[in-house]
Amino acid sequence: MANYKVVFNPNMGGRQFEKECPTLDIAKAVFDAVADYTLFLHDNRLMPDYSNCGQILIEDDDGDWVGYEDDDE
């Protein structure tokens, strides 16, 4: 069962990408890869300049997804 989820919306108001991840390290790697790929698409004029956002969520004890906050950063 996944305890983390990466969500990324490359076009505010549009559909968002979601990927469940079993560990925080994997969630961070997925998030970084999606953000880097989005920047690559924009820099190479393969995607228009949309406002975008993303975050890592963590599953709480009730099974709800809530925003993850890294106290170390």
Protein backbone atom coordinates (compact mmCIF):
# COMPACT_ATOMS: atom_id res chain seq x y z
CA MET A 1 0.00 0.00 0.00
CA ALA A 2 1.36 3.41 -0.94
CA ASN A 3 1.89 5.95 1.78
CA TYR A 4 2.82 8.85 -0.49
CA LYS A 5 1.35 10.36 -3.61
CA VAL A 6 2.83 12.80 -6.11
CA VAL A 7 0.31 15.15 -7.70
CA PHE A 8 1.25 17.53 -10.48
CA ASN A 9 -0.99 19.81 -12.52
CA PRO A 10 0.87 21.02 -15.63
CA ASN A 11 -1.99 23.35 -16.62
CA MET A 12 -3.94 24.92 -13.77
CA GLY A 13 -7.57 24.04 -14.14
CA GLY A 14 -6.82 20.96 -16.23
CA ARG A 15 -6.32 17.33 -15.30
CA GLN A 16 -3.57 16.43 -12.86
CA PHE A 17 -1.03 13.62 -12.89
CA GLU A 18 -1.10 11.35 -9.80
CA LYS A 19 1.35 8.60 -8.86
CA GLU A 20 1.24 6.65 -5.60
CA CYS A 21 4.65 5.81 -4.15
CA PRO A 22 5.63 3.38 -1.37
CA THR A 23 8.39 5.57 0.14
CA LEU A 24 9.20 9.24 0.54
CA ASP A 25 12.47 8.85 -1.39
CA ILE A 26 10.61 7.43 -4.39
CA ALA A 27 7.96 10.16 -4.15
CA LYS A 28 10.68 12.84 -4.15
CA ALA A 29 12.37 11.22 -7.17
CA VAL A 30 9.09 11.04 -9.09
CA PHE A 31 8.26 14.64 -8.22
CA ASP A 32 11.69 15.86 -9.33
CA ALA A 33 11.50 13.88 -12.59
CA VAL A 34 8.05 15.25 -13.46
CA ALA A 35 9.16 18.81 -12.68
CA ASP A 36 12.39 18.42 -14.69
CA TYR A 37 10.49 16.94 -17.64
CA THR A 38 7.96 19.79 -17.57
CA LEU A 39 10.82 22.31 -17.59
CA PHE A 40 12.45 20.42 -20.48
CA LEU A 41 9.22 20.58 -22.49
CA HIS A 42 8.90 24.30 -21.85
CA ASP A 43 12.56 25.13 -22.55
CA ASN A 44 12.42 23.28 -25.86
CA ARG A 45 9.16 24.96 -26.87
CA LEU A 46 7.30 21.66 -26.84
CA MET A 47 4.75 22.87 -24.29
CA PRO A 48 3.25 26.35 -23.86
CA ASP A 49 4.01 28.32 -20.73
CA TYR A 50 1.23 27.27 -18.37
CA SER A 51 1.02 27.93 -14.68
CA ASN A 52 1.62 24.61 -12.97
CA CYS A 53 1.86 23.23 -9.46
CA GLY A 54 2.68 20.00 -7.73
CA GLN A 55 3.14 18.51 -4.31
CA ILE A 56 3.76 15.35 -2.37
CA LEU A 57 0.89 14.05 -0.26
CA ILE A 58 1.03 11.58 2.62
CA GLU A 59 -1.73 9.22 3.67
CA ASP A 60 -2.91 9.92 7.21
CA ASP A 61 -4.26 7.39 9.73
CA ASP A 62 -7.80 7.84 8.38
CA GLY A 63 -6.74 7.06 4.80
CA ASP A 64 -7.02 10.68 3.66
CA TRP A 65 -4.32 12.36 1.56
CA VAL A 66 -2.81 15.46 3.17
CA GLY A 67 0.06 17.73 2.16
CA TYR A 68 3.50 16.46 3.17
CA GLU A 69 5.77 18.97 4.88
CA ASP A 70 9.49 18.21 5.13
CA ASP A 71 10.75 19.72 8.38
CA ASP A 72 14.37 19.23 7.26
CA GLU A 73 14.13 21.61 4.29
